[in-house]
Amino acid sequence: MKALSAVLGGFVLTLAVFASGLAFAVWILSAEPVRQAAPTSSVAELWPREPRKVNP
């Protein structure tokens, strides 16, 4: 019985690690890409038209 519970516990822990890795991968891959400023874009294109508050 002790061996069976050890195998079952190891299996459950393995599934938990796999699920957390899968959730982290989905979180990373579903993020919106950051807009890259092209070398040909002007400085005015980098700034928004309306002011936004920035919290340090």
Protein backbone atom coordinates (compact mmCIF):
# COMPACT_ATOMS: atom_id res chain seq x y z
CA MET A 1 0.00 0.00 0.00
CA LYS A 2 2.88 2.34 0.78
CA ALA A 3 4.42 1.76 -2.65
CA LEU A 4 1.11 2.36 -4.39
CA SER A 5 0.57 5.66 -2.61
CA ALA A 6 4.16 6.71 -3.44
CA VAL A 7 3.61 5.95 -7.13
CA LEU A 8 0.26 7.72 -7.13
CA GLY A 9 1.71 10.74 -5.32
CA GLY A 10 4.61 10.94 -7.77
CA PHE A 11 2.19 10.76 -10.67
CA VAL A 12 0.05 13.55 -9.23
CA LEU A 13 3.10 15.75 -8.62
CA THR A 14 4.33 15.09 -12.16
CA LEU A 15 0.97 16.13 -13.56
CA ALA A 16 1.02 19.28 -11.41
CA VAL A 17 4.46 20.28 -12.72
CA PHE A 18 3.39 19.57 -16.30
CA ALA A 19 0.18 21.59 -15.89
CA SER A 20 2.02 24.55 -14.38
CA GLY A 21 4.55 24.52 -17.23
CA LEU A 22 1.76 24.33 -19.76
CA ALA A 23 -0.08 27.23 -18.12
CA PHE A 24 3.12 29.32 -18.09
CA ALA A 25 3.75 28.57 -21.78
CA VAL A 26 0.20 29.58 -22.70
CA TRP A 27 0.59 32.80 -20.70
CA ILE A 28 3.86 33.66 -22.48
CA LEU A 29 2.64 32.75 -25.96
CA SER A 30 -0.66 34.61 -25.64
CA ALA A 31 0.98 37.94 -24.78
CA GLU A 32 0.68 40.73 -27.30
CA PRO A 33 3.95 41.50 -29.09
CA VAL A 34 5.68 44.77 -28.29
CA ARG A 35 5.66 47.31 -31.10
CA GLN A 36 9.15 47.73 -32.46
CA ALA A 37 10.13 51.17 -33.70
CA ALA A 38 11.47 50.94 -37.21
CA PRO A 39 14.69 52.82 -37.98
CA THR A 40 12.81 54.85 -40.60
CA SER A 41 10.00 55.99 -38.28
CA SER A 42 10.03 59.58 -37.13
CA VAL A 43 10.20 60.67 -33.50
CA ALA A 44 6.63 61.99 -33.65
CA GLU A 45 5.33 58.47 -34.38
CA LEU A 46 6.84 57.15 -31.16
CA TRP A 47 4.74 59.40 -28.91
CA PRO A 48 0.95 59.13 -28.48
CA ARG A 49 -1.30 62.05 -29.36
CA GLU A 50 -3.02 62.10 -25.96
CA PRO A 51 -0.98 62.38 -22.76
CA ARG A 52 -0.88 59.38 -20.43
CA LYS A 53 0.09 59.30 -16.77
CA VAL A 54 3.15 57.20 -15.98
CA ASN A 55 3.55 55.75 -12.50
CA PRO A 56 7.19 55.19 -11.53
